[in-house]
């Protein structure tokens, strides 16, 4: 009850920020990001677009990968109309496709730019079961496995940039508190819904993908420590906000649910705050493998803290990628 009250009134936590803080507010402490190059997935709308806008305001160079290039160019135009000196590059990327992820990584690396910040923000909520071109359930393929591969392909560049610039690299995985709704075997459930249409449940599939984001963060943090790399990785719960994830279910029922829950909803600037905090705030320097909510460290679910399961998911994820290459 106390936590709910603190959330509703926006009470600040140890970081000095809370649920009502905005992305602009949490980045005031790092107003000059002109030395930072950032990749932000899912930046054509909602939380990702606001994250991109605020980082551009602070001077960061942005790479905006997108499946819909027209929408990405429109986002770029909106940002540059507000901040004319912003440097923004749009590149094609479909996270549900391994070949597209590899093509994007190749294109980006060919630009010979540094890479300080990777924000894995893009998310998909598939109301109907769909299978990717690589034979994987679409929600898991887009929200987790595509980001897993993207991060893997760009990691050496991030490590190299951090070493050459002495600026700590940061990876932010956007998860959700809904990850706690699933506590079983992620891989078993993935196989089940990939092969059995009747077993598919949209909310459960989304929860599995978000739990995978949390586990990915935990295992990657350990691997980065072993590498002695000057790169940290954390995951965030942005909060409850109405975004384009609901676009397939617009109508009276959806409108009524969001109206009744309106006191719990964040604005998009508030929802983008935790992502921006984890991405650039000085207080996160050296912090890795953590879960953030309302711009403060928080507790992930019991399943999300399972180090053995995190290592197992990593191993199986690498096997899935290799299998698709053969």
C-alpha atoms as a PDB file:
ATOM      1  CA  UNK A   1       0.000   0.000   0.000  1.00  0.00           C
ATOM      2  CA  UNK A   2       2.802   2.425   0.917  1.00  0.00           C
ATOM      3  CA  UNK A   3       4.546   1.810  -2.425  1.00  0.00           C
ATOM      4  CA  UNK A   4       1.286   2.487  -4.269  1.00  0.00           C
ATOM      5  CA  UNK A   5       0.834   5.775  -2.410  1.00  0.00           C
ATOM      6  CA  UNK A   6       4.406   6.795  -3.224  1.00  0.00           C
ATOM      7  CA  UNK A   7       3.797   5.962  -6.876  1.00  0.00           C
ATOM      8  CA  UNK A   8       0.570   7.956  -7.051  1.00  0.00           C
ATOM      9  CA  UNK A   9       2.044  11.076  -5.476  1.00  0.00           C
ATOM     10  CA  UNK A  10       5.361  10.740  -7.297  1.00  0.00           C
ATOM     11  CA  UNK A  11       7.447  10.571  -4.144  1.00  0.00           C
ATOM     12  CA  UNK A  12      11.174  10.679  -4.949  1.00  0.00           C
ATOM     13  CA  UNK A  13      13.292   7.623  -4.206  1.00  0.00           C
ATOM     14  CA  UNK A  14      17.017   7.397  -3.357  1.00  0.00           C
ATOM     15  CA  UNK A  15      17.923   8.657  -6.844  1.00  0.00           C
ATOM     16  CA  UNK A  16      16.051  11.897  -6.236  1.00  0.00           C
ATOM     17  CA  UNK A  17      13.420  11.002  -8.822  1.00  0.00           C
ATOM     18  CA  UNK A  18      10.099   9.195  -8.787  1.00  0.00           C
ATOM     19  CA  UNK A  19       7.138   8.125 -10.897  1.00  0.00           C
ATOM     20  CA  UNK A  20       6.255  11.700 -11.897  1.00  0.00           C
ATOM     21  CA  UNK A  21       9.768  12.628 -13.062  1.00  0.00           C
ATOM     22  CA  UNK A  22      10.155  13.236 -16.788  1.00  0.00           C
ATOM     23  CA  UNK A  23      12.911  12.313 -19.210  1.00  0.00           C
ATOM     24  CA  UNK A  24      13.936  15.951 -19.527  1.00  0.00           C
ATOM     25  CA  UNK A  25      14.205  16.311 -15.751  1.00  0.00           C
ATOM     26  CA  UNK A  26      16.403  13.252 -15.247  1.00  0.00           C
ATOM     27  CA  UNK A  27      18.786  14.310 -18.015  1.00  0.00           C
ATOM     28  CA  UNK A  28      19.359  17.827 -16.705  1.00  0.00           C
ATOM     29  CA  UNK A  29      22.353  16.499 -14.750  1.00  0.00           C
ATOM     30  CA  UNK A  30      24.007  15.449 -18.019  1.00  0.00           C
ATOM     31  CA  UNK A  31      22.939  18.253 -20.326  1.00  0.00           C
ATOM     32  CA  UNK A  32      25.832  17.862 -22.794  1.00  0.00           C
ATOM     33  CA  UNK A  33      25.831  14.505 -24.592  1.00  0.00           C
ATOM     34  CA  UNK A  34      27.625  15.673 -27.738  1.00  0.00           C
ATOM     35  CA  UNK A  35      30.267  12.970 -27.253  1.00  0.00           C
ATOM     36  CA  UNK A  36      27.636  10.198 -27.191  1.00  0.00           C
ATOM     37  CA  UNK A  37      26.424   8.086 -30.118  1.00  0.00           C
ATOM     38  CA  UNK A  38      23.257   6.125 -29.335  1.00  0.00           C
ATOM     39  CA  UNK A  39      21.207   3.462 -31.088  1.00  0.00           C
ATOM     40  CA  UNK A  40      17.553   3.409 -30.014  1.00  0.00           C
ATOM     41  CA  UNK A  41      15.229   0.705 -31.325  1.00  0.00           C
ATOM     42  CA  UNK A  42      11.513   1.393 -31.498  1.00  0.00           C
ATOM     43  CA  UNK A  43      11.975   5.162 -31.656  1.00  0.00           C
ATOM     44  CA  UNK A  44       9.210   5.923 -34.152  1.00  0.00           C
ATOM     45  CA  UNK A  45       6.544   6.441 -31.484  1.00  0.00           C
ATOM     46  CA  UNK A  46       5.773   6.473 -27.796  1.00  0.00           C
ATOM     47  CA  UNK A  47       8.494   5.997 -25.209  1.00  0.00           C
ATOM     48  CA  UNK A  48      11.203   5.408 -27.807  1.00  0.00           C
ATOM     49  CA  UNK A  49      10.381   8.620 -29.674  1.00  0.00           C
ATOM     50  CA  UNK A  50      10.479  10.660 -26.471  1.00  0.00           C
ATOM     51  CA  UNK A  51      13.745   9.024 -25.447  1.00  0.00           C
ATOM     52  CA  UNK A  52      15.216   9.956 -28.833  1.00  0.00           C
ATOM     53  CA  UNK A  53      13.907  13.531 -28.612  1.00  0.00           C
ATOM     54  CA  UNK A  54      15.369  14.139 -25.168  1.00  0.00           C
ATOM     55  CA  UNK A  55      18.756  12.608 -25.966  1.00  0.00           C
ATOM     56  CA  UNK A  56      18.892  14.716 -29.135  1.00  0.00           C
ATOM     57  CA  UNK A  57      18.080  17.787 -27.060  1.00  0.00           C
ATOM     58  CA  UNK A  58      21.103  16.988 -24.909  1.00  0.00           C
ATOM     59  CA  UNK A  59      23.297  16.700 -28.009  1.00  0.00           C
ATOM     60  CA  UNK A  60      23.625  12.955 -28.606  1.00  0.00           C
ATOM     61  CA  UNK A  61      24.085  11.609 -32.132  1.00  0.00           C
ATOM     62  CA  UNK A  62      21.217   9.187 -32.815  1.00  0.00           C
ATOM     63  CA  UNK A  63      20.887   6.089 -34.943  1.00  0.00           C
ATOM     64  CA  UNK A  64      17.227   5.204 -35.428  1.00  0.00           C
ATOM     65  CA  UNK A  65      16.677   1.662 -36.751  1.00  0.00           C
ATOM     66  CA  UNK A  66      13.158   1.024 -38.005  1.00  0.00           C
ATOM     67  CA  UNK A  67      11.058  -1.414 -39.971  1.00  0.00           C
ATOM     68  CA  UNK A  68       8.902   1.501 -41.122  1.00  0.00           C
ATOM     69  CA  UNK A  69      11.415   3.923 -42.637  1.00  0.00           C
ATOM     70  CA  UNK A  70       8.749   6.534 -43.386  1.00  0.00           C
ATOM     71  CA  UNK A  71       7.791   6.677 -39.710  1.00  0.00           C
ATOM     72  CA  UNK A  72      11.452   6.919 -38.721  1.00  0.00           C
ATOM     73  CA  UNK A  73      12.041   9.788 -41.138  1.00  0.00           C
ATOM     74  CA  UNK A  74       8.997  11.547 -39.691  1.00  0.00           C
ATOM     75  CA  UNK A  75      10.435  11.118 -36.189  1.00  0.00           C
ATOM     76  CA  UNK A  76      13.742  12.506 -37.406  1.00  0.00           C
ATOM     77  CA  UNK A  77      11.961  15.491 -38.992  1.00  0.00           C
ATOM     78  CA  UNK A  78      10.063  16.258 -35.767  1.00  0.00           C
ATOM     79  CA  UNK A  79      13.258  16.161 -33.717  1.00  0.00           C
ATOM     80  CA  UNK A  80      15.310  18.257 -36.140  1.00  0.00           C
ATOM     81  CA  UNK A  81      12.534  20.839 -36.403  1.00  0.00           C
ATOM     82  CA  UNK A  82      12.865  21.316 -32.648  1.00  0.00           C
ATOM     83  CA  UNK A  83      16.650  20.868 -32.500  1.00  0.00           C
ATOM     84  CA  UNK A  84      18.113  21.829 -35.913  1.00  0.00           C
ATOM     85  CA  UNK A  85      21.673  20.769 -35.044  1.00  0.00           C
ATOM     86  CA  UNK A  86      20.660  17.235 -34.094  1.00  0.00           C
ATOM     87  CA  UNK A  87      22.513  14.506 -35.994  1.00  0.00           C
ATOM     88  CA  UNK A  88      20.193  11.597 -36.756  1.00  0.00           C
ATOM     89  CA  UNK A  89      20.733   8.622 -39.048  1.00  0.00           C
ATOM     90  CA  UNK A  90      17.869   6.328 -40.074  1.00  0.00           C
ATOM     91  CA  UNK A  91      18.618   2.714 -41.019  1.00  0.00           C
ATOM     92  CA  UNK A  92      16.315  -0.234 -41.824  1.00  0.00           C
ATOM     93  CA  UNK A  93      15.794  -2.934 -39.179  1.00  0.00           C
ATOM     94  CA  UNK A  94      13.178  -5.623 -38.616  1.00  0.00           C
ATOM     95  CA  UNK A  95      13.979  -7.152 -35.220  1.00  0.00           C
ATOM     96  CA  UNK A  96      11.915 -10.254 -35.945  1.00  0.00           C
ATOM     97  CA  UNK A  97      14.312 -11.185 -38.769  1.00  0.00           C
ATOM     98  CA  UNK A  98      17.833 -12.425 -38.059  1.00  0.00           C
ATOM     99  CA  UNK A  99      18.952 -11.491 -41.554  1.00  0.00           C
ATOM    100  CA  UNK A 100      17.642  -7.943 -41.085  1.00  0.00           C
ATOM    101  CA  UNK A 101      19.399  -7.618 -37.726  1.00  0.00           C
ATOM    102  CA  UNK A 102      22.674  -8.760 -39.286  1.00  0.00           C
ATOM    103  CA  UNK A 103      22.205  -6.395 -42.215  1.00  0.00           C
ATOM    104  CA  UNK A 104      21.574  -3.459 -39.884  1.00  0.00           C
ATOM    105  CA  UNK A 105      24.647  -4.266 -37.778  1.00  0.00           C
ATOM    106  CA  UNK A 106      26.767  -4.494 -40.918  1.00  0.00           C
ATOM    107  CA  UNK A 107      25.454  -1.145 -42.209  1.00  0.00           C
ATOM    108  CA  UNK A 108      26.056   0.563 -38.886  1.00  0.00           C
ATOM    109  CA  UNK A 109      29.577  -0.805 -38.486  1.00  0.00           C
ATOM    110  CA  UNK A 110      30.422   0.308 -42.022  1.00  0.00           C
ATOM    111  CA  UNK A 111      29.748   3.909 -40.936  1.00  0.00           C
ATOM    112  CA  UNK A 112      32.781   3.623 -38.622  1.00  0.00           C
ATOM    113  CA  UNK A 113      31.040   5.569 -35.887  1.00  0.00           C
ATOM    114  CA  UNK A 114      31.600   5.065 -32.166  1.00  0.00           C
ATOM    115  CA  UNK A 115      28.851   3.425 -30.117  1.00  0.00           C
ATOM    116  CA  UNK A 116      28.394   4.511 -26.520  1.00  0.00           C
ATOM    117  CA  UNK A 117      24.777   3.688 -25.888  1.00  0.00           C
ATOM    118  CA  UNK A 118      22.416   0.924 -27.030  1.00  0.00           C
ATOM    119  CA  UNK A 119      18.778   1.206 -25.967  1.00  0.00           C
ATOM    120  CA  UNK A 120      16.825  -1.959 -26.760  1.00  0.00           C
ATOM    121  CA  UNK A 121      13.405  -0.336 -26.534  1.00  0.00           C
ATOM    122  CA  UNK A 122      11.284  -1.768 -29.347  1.00  0.00           C
ATOM    123  CA  UNK A 123       8.388  -3.937 -28.222  1.00  0.00           C
ATOM    124  CA  UNK A 124       5.577  -5.906 -29.809  1.00  0.00           C
ATOM    125  CA  UNK A 125       2.387  -7.310 -28.294  1.00  0.00           C
ATOM    126  CA  UNK A 126       0.960  -9.863 -30.728  1.00  0.00           C
ATOM    127  CA  UNK A 127      -2.717 -10.468 -30.031  1.00  0.00           C
ATOM    128  CA  UNK A 128      -2.734 -13.263 -32.574  1.00  0.00           C
ATOM    129  CA  UNK A 129      -0.088 -15.979 -32.803  1.00  0.00           C
ATOM    130  CA  UNK A 130       2.405 -15.397 -35.594  1.00  0.00           C
ATOM    131  CA  UNK A 131       5.681 -17.068 -36.534  1.00  0.00           C
ATOM    132  CA  UNK A 132       8.722 -15.145 -37.742  1.00  0.00           C
ATOM    133  CA  UNK A 133      10.570 -15.944 -40.955  1.00  0.00           C
ATOM    134  CA  UNK A 134      13.089 -17.795 -38.772  1.00  0.00           C
ATOM    135  CA  UNK A 135      10.382 -20.045 -37.320  1.00  0.00           C
ATOM    136  CA  UNK A 136      10.090 -18.354 -33.919  1.00  0.00           C
ATOM    137  CA  UNK A 137       6.997 -17.016 -32.177  1.00  0.00           C
ATOM    138  CA  UNK A 138       6.794 -13.341 -33.170  1.00  0.00           C
ATOM    139  CA  UNK A 139       6.597 -11.663 -29.751  1.00  0.00           C
ATOM    140  CA  UNK A 140       9.660 -13.525 -28.466  1.00  0.00           C
ATOM    141  CA  UNK A 141      11.520 -13.015 -31.752  1.00  0.00           C
ATOM    142  CA  UNK A 142      10.934  -9.255 -31.750  1.00  0.00           C
ATOM    143  CA  UNK A 143      11.119  -8.328 -28.073  1.00  0.00           C
ATOM    144  CA  UNK A 144      13.955 -10.580 -27.008  1.00  0.00           C
ATOM    145  CA  UNK A 145      15.803 -12.671 -29.561  1.00  0.00           C
ATOM    146  CA  UNK A 146      16.239  -9.866 -32.104  1.00  0.00           C
ATOM    147  CA  UNK A 147      17.662  -7.628 -29.382  1.00  0.00           C
ATOM    148  CA  UNK A 148      19.850 -10.479 -28.108  1.00  0.00           C
ATOM    149  CA  UNK A 149      21.397 -10.852 -31.570  1.00  0.00           C
ATOM    150  CA  UNK A 150      21.665  -7.090 -32.115  1.00  0.00           C
ATOM    151  CA  UNK A 151      23.498  -6.634 -28.815  1.00  0.00           C
ATOM    152  CA  UNK A 152      25.815  -9.545 -29.569  1.00  0.00           C
ATOM    153  CA  UNK A 153      26.752  -8.110 -32.964  1.00  0.00           C
ATOM    154  CA  UNK A 154      27.428  -4.613 -31.591  1.00  0.00           C
ATOM    155  CA  UNK A 155      29.113  -5.528 -28.329  1.00  0.00           C
ATOM    156  CA  UNK A 156      32.693  -5.454 -29.612  1.00  0.00           C
ATOM    157  CA  UNK A 157      32.116  -1.967 -31.029  1.00  0.00           C
ATOM    158  CA  UNK A 158      30.790  -0.802 -27.670  1.00  0.00           C
ATOM    159  CA  UNK A 159      33.746  -2.291 -25.795  1.00  0.00           C
ATOM    160  CA  UNK A 160      36.159  -0.738 -28.296  1.00  0.00           C
ATOM    161  CA  UNK A 161      34.478   2.693 -28.051  1.00  0.00           C
ATOM    162  CA  UNK A 162      34.582   2.631 -24.253  1.00  0.00           C
ATOM    163  CA  UNK A 163      38.266   1.717 -24.290  1.00  0.00           C
ATOM    164  CA  UNK A 164      39.204   4.412 -26.812  1.00  0.00           C
ATOM    165  CA  UNK A 165      37.092   7.233 -25.346  1.00  0.00           C
ATOM    166  CA  UNK A 166      37.244   6.327 -21.631  1.00  0.00           C
ATOM    167  CA  UNK A 167      33.473   6.874 -21.564  1.00  0.00           C
ATOM    168  CA  UNK A 168      31.602   3.977 -20.012  1.00  0.00           C
ATOM    169  CA  UNK A 169      29.287   2.283 -22.484  1.00  0.00           C
ATOM    170  CA  UNK A 170      25.714   1.563 -21.454  1.00  0.00           C
ATOM    171  CA  UNK A 171      23.123  -0.912 -22.659  1.00  0.00           C
ATOM    172  CA  UNK A 172      19.510  -0.482 -21.575  1.00  0.00           C
ATOM    173  CA  UNK A 173      16.981  -3.272 -22.054  1.00  0.00           C
ATOM    174  CA  UNK A 174      13.396  -2.054 -21.770  1.00  0.00           C
ATOM    175  CA  UNK A 175      11.434  -4.761 -19.971  1.00  0.00           C
ATOM    176  CA  UNK A 176       8.203  -4.521 -17.970  1.00  0.00           C
ATOM    177  CA  UNK A 177       6.854  -5.421 -14.551  1.00  0.00           C
ATOM    178  CA  UNK A 178       4.704  -7.926 -16.425  1.00  0.00           C
ATOM    179  CA  UNK A 179       7.812 -10.145 -16.544  1.00  0.00           C
ATOM    180  CA  UNK A 180       6.760 -11.248 -13.059  1.00  0.00           C
ATOM    181  CA  UNK A 181       3.556 -12.776 -14.447  1.00  0.00           C
ATOM    182  CA  UNK A 182       5.536 -15.751 -15.758  1.00  0.00           C
ATOM    183  CA  UNK A 183       7.548 -18.065 -13.537  1.00  0.00           C
ATOM    184  CA  UNK A 184       7.910 -21.228 -15.598  1.00  0.00           C
ATOM    185  CA  UNK A 185      10.394 -22.448 -18.186  1.00  0.00           C
ATOM    186  CA  UNK A 186      10.715 -19.762 -20.890  1.00  0.00           C
ATOM    187  CA  UNK A 187      12.135 -22.069 -23.534  1.00  0.00           C
ATOM    188  CA  UNK A 188       9.567 -24.813 -22.932  1.00  0.00           C
ATOM    189  CA  UNK A 189       6.739 -22.302 -23.263  1.00  0.00           C
ATOM    190  CA  UNK A 190       8.324 -20.800 -26.388  1.00  0.00           C
ATOM    191  CA  UNK A 191       8.464 -24.209 -28.051  1.00  0.00           C
ATOM    192  CA  UNK A 192       4.879 -24.859 -26.986  1.00  0.00           C
ATOM    193  CA  UNK A 193       3.407 -21.685 -28.496  1.00  0.00           C
ATOM    194  CA  UNK A 194       5.611 -21.897 -31.583  1.00  0.00           C
ATOM    195  CA  UNK A 195       4.303 -25.365 -32.393  1.00  0.00           C
ATOM    196  CA  UNK A 196       0.795 -25.286 -30.942  1.00  0.00           C
ATOM    197  CA  UNK A 197      -1.578 -22.485 -31.914  1.00  0.00           C
ATOM    198  CA  UNK A 198      -4.107 -23.473 -29.255  1.00  0.00           C
ATOM    199  CA  UNK A 199      -1.550 -22.965 -26.455  1.00  0.00           C
ATOM    200  CA  UNK A 200      -0.891 -19.339 -27.395  1.00  0.00           C
ATOM    201  CA  UNK A 201      -1.874 -16.675 -24.889  1.00  0.00           C
ATOM    202  CA  UNK A 202      -0.919 -13.118 -25.907  1.00  0.00           C
ATOM    203  CA  UNK A 203      -0.321 -11.755 -22.410  1.00  0.00           C
ATOM    204  CA  UNK A 204       1.675 -14.786 -21.301  1.00  0.00           C
ATOM    205  CA  UNK A 205       3.786 -14.664 -24.467  1.00  0.00           C
ATOM    206  CA  UNK A 206       4.527 -10.988 -23.835  1.00  0.00           C
ATOM    207  CA  UNK A 207       5.448 -11.730 -20.198  1.00  0.00           C
ATOM    208  CA  UNK A 208       7.852 -14.467 -21.320  1.00  0.00           C
ATOM    209  CA  UNK A 209       9.604 -12.090 -23.724  1.00  0.00           C
ATOM    210  CA  UNK A 210       9.965  -9.480 -20.989  1.00  0.00           C
ATOM    211  CA  UNK A 211      11.288 -12.031 -18.508  1.00  0.00           C
ATOM    212  CA  UNK A 212      13.838 -12.984 -21.157  1.00  0.00           C
ATOM    213  CA  UNK A 213      14.913  -9.308 -21.311  1.00  0.00           C
ATOM    214  CA  UNK A 214      15.560  -9.347 -17.555  1.00  0.00           C
ATOM    215  CA  UNK A 215      17.494 -12.613 -17.695  1.00  0.00           C
ATOM    216  CA  UNK A 216      19.505 -11.366 -20.686  1.00  0.00           C
ATOM    217  CA  UNK A 217      20.511  -8.307 -18.660  1.00  0.00           C
ATOM    218  CA  UNK A 218      21.661 -10.410 -15.720  1.00  0.00           C
ATOM    219  CA  UNK A 219      23.796 -12.795 -17.779  1.00  0.00           C
ATOM    220  CA  UNK A 220      25.255 -10.083 -20.012  1.00  0.00           C
ATOM    221  CA  UNK A 221      26.312  -8.086 -16.951  1.00  0.00           C
ATOM    222  CA  UNK A 222      28.300 -11.084 -15.683  1.00  0.00           C
ATOM    223  CA  UNK A 223      29.925 -11.642 -19.057  1.00  0.00           C
ATOM    224  CA  UNK A 224      30.929  -7.986 -19.321  1.00  0.00           C
ATOM    225  CA  UNK A 225      32.514  -8.197 -15.867  1.00  0.00           C
ATOM    226  CA  UNK A 226      34.473 -11.277 -16.939  1.00  0.00           C
ATOM    227  CA  UNK A 227      35.656  -9.367 -20.008  1.00  0.00           C
ATOM    228  CA  UNK A 228      36.663  -6.434 -17.796  1.00  0.00           C
ATOM    229  CA  UNK A 229      34.826  -4.268 -20.297  1.00  0.00           C
ATOM    230  CA  UNK A 230      33.950  -0.684 -19.434  1.00  0.00           C
ATOM    231  CA  UNK A 231      30.325  -1.315 -20.405  1.00  0.00           C
ATOM    232  CA  UNK A 232      27.312  -1.740 -18.122  1.00  0.00           C
ATOM    233  CA  UNK A 233      23.868  -3.148 -18.832  1.00  0.00           C
ATOM    234  CA  UNK A 234      20.626  -2.617 -16.949  1.00  0.00           C
ATOM    235  CA  UNK A 235      16.942  -3.175 -17.618  1.00  0.00           C
ATOM    236  CA  UNK A 236      13.992  -0.917 -16.889  1.00  0.00           C
ATOM    237  CA  UNK A 237      10.266  -0.994 -16.323  1.00  0.00           C
ATOM    238  CA  UNK A 238       9.003   2.251 -17.889  1.00  0.00           C
ATOM    239  CA  UNK A 239       5.637   2.163 -16.117  1.00  0.00           C
ATOM    240  CA  UNK A 240       2.073   1.839 -17.310  1.00  0.00           C
ATOM    241  CA  UNK A 241       1.414   4.060 -20.294  1.00  0.00           C
ATOM    242  CA  UNK A 242      -0.900   3.863 -23.276  1.00  0.00           C
ATOM    243  CA  UNK A 243       1.273   3.464 -26.357  1.00  0.00           C
ATOM    244  CA  UNK A 244       0.915   1.927 -29.823  1.00  0.00           C
ATOM    245  CA  UNK A 245       1.155  -1.539 -28.242  1.00  0.00           C
ATOM    246  CA  UNK A 246      -2.652  -1.277 -27.923  1.00  0.00           C
ATOM    247  CA  UNK A 247      -3.225  -0.208 -31.526  1.00  0.00           C
ATOM    248  CA  UNK A 248      -4.767  -3.559 -32.519  1.00  0.00           C
ATOM    249  CA  UNK A 249      -7.407  -3.239 -29.809  1.00  0.00           C
ATOM    250  CA  UNK A 250      -8.689   0.317 -30.070  1.00  0.00           C
ATOM    251  CA  UNK A 251     -12.350   0.567 -29.149  1.00  0.00           C
ATOM    252  CA  UNK A 252     -14.824   0.949 -26.326  1.00  0.00           C
ATOM    253  CA  UNK A 253     -13.475  -1.819 -24.075  1.00  0.00           C
ATOM    254  CA  UNK A 254      -9.852  -0.703 -24.366  1.00  0.00           C
ATOM    255  CA  UNK A 255     -10.868   2.931 -23.844  1.00  0.00           C
ATOM    256  CA  UNK A 256     -12.868   1.987 -20.744  1.00  0.00           C
ATOM    257  CA  UNK A 257     -10.018  -0.018 -19.202  1.00  0.00           C
ATOM    258  CA  UNK A 258      -7.548   2.823 -19.689  1.00  0.00           C
ATOM    259  CA  UNK A 259     -10.061   5.348 -18.348  1.00  0.00           C
ATOM    260  CA  UNK A 260     -10.539   3.339 -15.160  1.00  0.00           C
ATOM    261  CA  UNK A 261      -6.771   2.920 -14.787  1.00  0.00           C
ATOM    262  CA  UNK A 262      -5.983   6.522 -15.696  1.00  0.00           C
ATOM    263  CA  UNK A 263      -4.694   7.419 -12.239  1.00  0.00           C
ATOM    264  CA  UNK A 264      -2.026   4.736 -12.592  1.00  0.00           C
ATOM    265  CA  UNK A 265      -0.937   5.738 -16.088  1.00  0.00           C
ATOM    266  CA  UNK A 266       2.197   7.732 -16.796  1.00  0.00           C
ATOM    267  CA  UNK A 267       2.540  10.325 -19.493  1.00  0.00           C
ATOM    268  CA  UNK A 268       5.007   9.399 -22.227  1.00  0.00           C
ATOM    269  CA  UNK A 269       7.611  11.908 -20.923  1.00  0.00           C
ATOM    270  CA  UNK A 270       7.295  10.254 -17.501  1.00  0.00           C
ATOM    271  CA  UNK A 271       7.488   6.761 -18.985  1.00  0.00           C
ATOM    272  CA  UNK A 272      10.679   7.636 -20.859  1.00  0.00           C
ATOM    273  CA  UNK A 273      12.342   8.922 -17.693  1.00  0.00           C
ATOM    274  CA  UNK A 274      13.599   5.594 -16.353  1.00  0.00           C
ATOM    275  CA  UNK A 275      15.114   4.650 -19.711  1.00  0.00           C
ATOM    276  CA  UNK A 276      16.929   7.982 -19.902  1.00  0.00           C
ATOM    277  CA  UNK A 277      18.022   7.720 -16.284  1.00  0.00           C
ATOM    278  CA  UNK A 278      19.603   4.300 -16.829  1.00  0.00           C
ATOM    279  CA  UNK A 279      21.091   5.457 -20.126  1.00  0.00           C
ATOM    280  CA  UNK A 280      22.911   8.624 -19.135  1.00  0.00           C
ATOM    281  CA  UNK A 281      22.570   9.682 -15.499  1.00  0.00           C
ATOM    282  CA  UNK A 282      25.863   9.953 -13.571  1.00  0.00           C
ATOM    283  CA  UNK A 283      24.449   7.971 -10.633  1.00  0.00           C
ATOM    284  CA  UNK A 284      24.256   4.852 -12.822  1.00  0.00           C
ATOM    285  CA  UNK A 285      27.994   4.973 -13.565  1.00  0.00           C
ATOM    286  CA  UNK A 286      29.380   1.519 -12.758  1.00  0.00           C
ATOM    287  CA  UNK A 287      25.957   0.062 -11.925  1.00  0.00           C
ATOM    288  CA  UNK A 288      25.238  -3.119 -13.875  1.00  0.00           C
ATOM    289  CA  UNK A 289      22.850  -6.066 -13.971  1.00  0.00           C
ATOM    290  CA  UNK A 290      20.120  -4.146 -12.154  1.00  0.00           C
ATOM    291  CA  UNK A 291      16.401  -3.626 -12.667  1.00  0.00           C
ATOM    292  CA  UNK A 292      15.040  -0.065 -12.498  1.00  0.00           C
ATOM    293  CA  UNK A 293      11.522   1.299 -12.041  1.00  0.00           C
ATOM    294  CA  UNK A 294      10.534   4.934 -11.514  1.00  0.00           C
ATOM    295  CA  UNK A 295      14.214   5.931 -11.915  1.00  0.00           C
ATOM    296  CA  UNK A 296      15.309   3.857  -8.925  1.00  0.00           C
ATOM    297  CA  UNK A 297      16.751   0.393  -8.467  1.00  0.00           C
ATOM    298  CA  UNK A 298      13.943  -2.081  -7.816  1.00  0.00           C
ATOM    299  CA  UNK A 299      13.521  -5.807  -7.294  1.00  0.00           C
ATOM    300  CA  UNK A 300      12.929  -8.017 -10.307  1.00  0.00           C
ATOM    301  CA  UNK A 301      10.752 -11.094  -9.896  1.00  0.00           C
ATOM    302  CA  UNK A 302      12.166 -14.262  -8.343  1.00  0.00           C
ATOM    303  CA  UNK A 303      12.335 -15.824 -11.827  1.00  0.00           C
ATOM    304  CA  UNK A 304      14.141 -12.750 -13.108  1.00  0.00           C
ATOM    305  CA  UNK A 305      16.857 -13.181 -10.450  1.00  0.00           C
ATOM    306  CA  UNK A 306      17.603 -16.802 -11.361  1.00  0.00           C
ATOM    307  CA  UNK A 307      21.257 -16.757 -12.461  1.00  0.00           C
ATOM    308  CA  UNK A 308      21.212 -20.383 -13.574  1.00  0.00           C
ATOM    309  CA  UNK A 309      18.197 -19.764 -15.798  1.00  0.00           C
ATOM    310  CA  UNK A 310      19.837 -16.620 -17.184  1.00  0.00           C
ATOM    311  CA  UNK A 311      22.914 -18.615 -18.211  1.00  0.00           C
ATOM    312  CA  UNK A 312      20.727 -21.364 -19.689  1.00  0.00           C
ATOM    313  CA  UNK A 313      18.654 -18.881 -21.700  1.00  0.00           C
ATOM    314  CA  UNK A 314      21.836 -17.319 -23.087  1.00  0.00           C
ATOM    315  CA  UNK A 315      23.201 -20.698 -24.149  1.00  0.00           C
ATOM    316  CA  UNK A 316      19.968 -21.722 -25.841  1.00  0.00           C
ATOM    317  CA  UNK A 317      19.586 -18.318 -27.501  1.00  0.00           C
ATOM    318  CA  UNK A 318      23.022 -18.697 -29.088  1.00  0.00           C
ATOM    319  CA  UNK A 319      22.060 -22.171 -30.281  1.00  0.00           C
ATOM    320  CA  UNK A 320      18.837 -20.809 -31.829  1.00  0.00           C
ATOM    321  CA  UNK A 321      20.775 -18.177 -33.743  1.00  0.00           C
ATOM    322  CA  UNK A 322      23.304 -20.713 -35.039  1.00  0.00           C
ATOM    323  CA  UNK A 323      20.535 -23.098 -36.084  1.00  0.00           C
ATOM    324  CA  UNK A 324      18.950 -20.402 -38.225  1.00  0.00           C
ATOM    325  CA  UNK A 325      22.258 -19.738 -39.967  1.00  0.00           C
ATOM    326  CA  UNK A 326      22.713 -23.369 -41.036  1.00  0.00           C
END
